[in-house]
Amino acid sequence: MGELKILSARGGVTFGVRVIPRAKKNEIVGVQEGELRIRLTAPPVEGAANKALVDFLAQELDVRRRQVEIISGMKSRSKVVRISDISPAEVRRRLAS
């Protein structure tokens, strides 16, 4: 397992996420190649997995849904997300707990 690559960006952070849809439960699996690997129960159809990802990250990082934005990879398993109003150190701390 590697370390999550988190970049500071316009009042927040961005980082890569690798989504594994149709899992048994929503969970963070770990970090691989600098990306956060997340299993989601939602299927990858009609944006269901993207919505589930935003909901899950908001819950895990204890932020509002509107602070979480998928900025690339809407139709891919590899995505880049932006979390506003949070520091890289705070993201690491919240993911570790």
C-alpha atoms as a PDB file:
ATOM      1  CA  MET A   1       0.000   0.000   0.000  1.00  0.00           C
ATOM      2  CA  GLY A   2       1.230   3.422  -0.946  1.00  0.00           C
ATOM      3  CA  GLU A   3       0.459   6.910   0.248  1.00  0.00           C
ATOM      4  CA  LEU A   4      -2.496   8.919  -1.048  1.00  0.00           C
ATOM      5  CA  LYS A   5      -1.308  11.726  -3.339  1.00  0.00           C
ATOM      6  CA  ILE A   6      -3.241  14.826  -2.204  1.00  0.00           C
ATOM      7  CA  LEU A   7      -2.736  18.162  -3.967  1.00  0.00           C
ATOM      8  CA  SER A   8      -3.734  21.598  -2.653  1.00  0.00           C
ATOM      9  CA  ALA A   9      -6.137  23.290  -5.062  1.00  0.00           C
ATOM     10  CA  ARG A  10      -8.204  26.489  -4.911  1.00  0.00           C
ATOM     11  CA  GLY A  11      -9.351  26.519  -1.295  1.00  0.00           C
ATOM     12  CA  GLY A  12      -9.293  22.758  -0.916  1.00  0.00           C
ATOM     13  CA  VAL A  13      -7.642  19.583  -2.154  1.00  0.00           C
ATOM     14  CA  THR A  14      -7.779  17.166  -5.070  1.00  0.00           C
ATOM     15  CA  PHE A  15      -6.892  13.479  -5.142  1.00  0.00           C
ATOM     16  CA  GLY A  16      -7.427  10.402  -7.275  1.00  0.00           C
ATOM     17  CA  VAL A  17     -10.015   7.750  -6.508  1.00  0.00           C
ATOM     18  CA  ARG A  18     -10.395   4.283  -8.020  1.00  0.00           C
ATOM     19  CA  VAL A  19     -14.001   3.077  -7.694  1.00  0.00           C
ATOM     20  CA  ILE A  20     -14.979  -0.586  -7.532  1.00  0.00           C
ATOM     21  CA  PRO A  21     -18.768  -0.676  -8.171  1.00  0.00           C
ATOM     22  CA  ARG A  22     -21.288  -3.369  -7.208  1.00  0.00           C
ATOM     23  CA  ALA A  23     -19.440  -4.317  -4.013  1.00  0.00           C
ATOM     24  CA  LYS A  24     -21.055  -5.951  -0.975  1.00  0.00           C
ATOM     25  CA  LYS A  25     -20.614  -2.772   1.095  1.00  0.00           C
ATOM     26  CA  ASN A  26     -19.296   0.775   0.839  1.00  0.00           C
ATOM     27  CA  GLU A  27     -15.749   0.889   2.157  1.00  0.00           C
ATOM     28  CA  ILE A  28     -12.278   2.294   1.662  1.00  0.00           C
ATOM     29  CA  VAL A  29     -10.006  -0.547   0.581  1.00  0.00           C
ATOM     30  CA  GLY A  30      -6.702   1.330   0.745  1.00  0.00           C
ATOM     31  CA  VAL A  31      -4.327   3.267  -1.478  1.00  0.00           C
ATOM     32  CA  GLN A  32      -2.761   1.956  -4.667  1.00  0.00           C
ATOM     33  CA  GLU A  33      -0.542   3.979  -7.028  1.00  0.00           C
ATOM     34  CA  GLY A  34      -1.429   7.184  -5.143  1.00  0.00           C
ATOM     35  CA  GLU A  35      -5.192   6.714  -5.581  1.00  0.00           C
ATOM     36  CA  LEU A  36      -7.738   6.003  -2.874  1.00  0.00           C
ATOM     37  CA  ARG A  37      -9.496   2.696  -3.664  1.00  0.00           C
ATOM     38  CA  ILE A  38     -13.170   2.653  -2.685  1.00  0.00           C
ATOM     39  CA  ARG A  39     -15.730  -0.139  -2.997  1.00  0.00           C
ATOM     40  CA  LEU A  40     -19.310   1.021  -3.554  1.00  0.00           C
ATOM     41  CA  THR A  41     -22.539  -0.975  -3.618  1.00  0.00           C
ATOM     42  CA  ALA A  42     -23.973   1.215  -6.393  1.00  0.00           C
ATOM     43  CA  PRO A  43     -23.845   0.022 -10.007  1.00  0.00           C
ATOM     44  CA  PRO A  44     -21.970   2.109 -12.597  1.00  0.00           C
ATOM     45  CA  VAL A  45     -25.132   3.162 -14.452  1.00  0.00           C
ATOM     46  CA  GLU A  46     -26.847   6.538 -14.840  1.00  0.00           C
ATOM     47  CA  GLY A  47     -24.454   8.234 -12.427  1.00  0.00           C
ATOM     48  CA  ALA A  48     -25.438   6.037  -9.462  1.00  0.00           C
ATOM     49  CA  ALA A  49     -21.845   5.193  -8.541  1.00  0.00           C
ATOM     50  CA  ASN A  50     -20.790   8.849  -8.867  1.00  0.00           C
ATOM     51  CA  LYS A  51     -23.599   9.971  -6.530  1.00  0.00           C
ATOM     52  CA  ALA A  52     -22.715   7.175  -4.103  1.00  0.00           C
ATOM     53  CA  LEU A  53     -19.050   8.234  -4.215  1.00  0.00           C
ATOM     54  CA  VAL A  54     -19.901  11.866  -3.366  1.00  0.00           C
ATOM     55  CA  ASP A  55     -22.192  10.726  -0.521  1.00  0.00           C
ATOM     56  CA  PHE A  56     -19.597   8.282   0.822  1.00  0.00           C
ATOM     57  CA  LEU A  57     -16.685  10.743   0.727  1.00  0.00           C
ATOM     58  CA  ALA A  58     -18.790  13.459   2.375  1.00  0.00           C
ATOM     59  CA  GLN A  59     -19.644  11.029   5.183  1.00  0.00           C
ATOM     60  CA  GLU A  60     -16.097   9.670   5.606  1.00  0.00           C
ATOM     61  CA  LEU A  61     -14.481  13.123   5.587  1.00  0.00           C
ATOM     62  CA  ASP A  62     -17.257  14.725   7.672  1.00  0.00           C
ATOM     63  CA  VAL A  63     -17.933  17.460   5.120  1.00  0.00           C
ATOM     64  CA  ARG A  64     -21.078  18.663   3.323  1.00  0.00           C
ATOM     65  CA  ARG A  65     -22.015  16.974   0.036  1.00  0.00           C
ATOM     66  CA  ARG A  66     -21.603  20.288  -1.792  1.00  0.00           C
ATOM     67  CA  GLN A  67     -17.921  20.354  -0.748  1.00  0.00           C
ATOM     68  CA  VAL A  68     -17.276  17.130  -2.726  1.00  0.00           C
ATOM     69  CA  GLU A  69     -16.999  17.376  -6.511  1.00  0.00           C
ATOM     70  CA  ILE A  70     -15.874  14.884  -9.147  1.00  0.00           C
ATOM     71  CA  ILE A  71     -13.754  16.984 -11.505  1.00  0.00           C
ATOM     72  CA  SER A  72     -12.728  14.270 -13.973  1.00  0.00           C
ATOM     73  CA  GLY A  73     -13.508  10.648 -14.776  1.00  0.00           C
ATOM     74  CA  MET A  74     -17.309  10.838 -14.642  1.00  0.00           C
ATOM     75  CA  LYS A  75     -17.563   7.731 -16.867  1.00  0.00           C
ATOM     76  CA  SER A  76     -14.408   6.002 -15.635  1.00  0.00           C
ATOM     77  CA  ARG A  77     -13.492   3.964 -12.576  1.00  0.00           C
ATOM     78  CA  SER A  78     -10.508   6.276 -12.054  1.00  0.00           C
ATOM     79  CA  LYS A  79     -11.667   9.721 -10.974  1.00  0.00           C
ATOM     80  CA  VAL A  80     -10.250  12.944  -9.573  1.00  0.00           C
ATOM     81  CA  VAL A  81     -12.251  14.547  -6.774  1.00  0.00           C
ATOM     82  CA  ARG A  82     -12.022  18.010  -5.253  1.00  0.00           C
ATOM     83  CA  ILE A  83     -12.913  18.596  -1.605  1.00  0.00           C
ATOM     84  CA  SER A  84     -13.311  22.283  -0.775  1.00  0.00           C
ATOM     85  CA  ASP A  85     -12.501  24.052   2.496  1.00  0.00           C
ATOM     86  CA  ILE A  86     -10.151  21.371   3.848  1.00  0.00           C
ATOM     87  CA  SER A  87      -6.378  20.909   4.026  1.00  0.00           C
ATOM     88  CA  PRO A  88      -4.356  17.884   2.852  1.00  0.00           C
ATOM     89  CA  ALA A  89      -3.324  17.207   6.469  1.00  0.00           C
ATOM     90  CA  GLU A  90      -6.972  17.250   7.590  1.00  0.00           C
ATOM     91  CA  VAL A  91      -7.973  14.816   4.825  1.00  0.00           C
ATOM     92  CA  ARG A  92      -5.224  12.405   5.918  1.00  0.00           C
ATOM     93  CA  ARG A  93      -6.262  12.723   9.561  1.00  0.00           C
ATOM     94  CA  ARG A  94      -9.950  12.099   8.829  1.00  0.00           C
ATOM     95  CA  LEU A  95      -9.253   9.136   6.554  1.00  0.00           C
ATOM     96  CA  ALA A  96      -6.959   7.581   9.151  1.00  0.00           C
ATOM     97  CA  SER A  97      -9.603   7.677  11.912  1.00  0.00           C
END
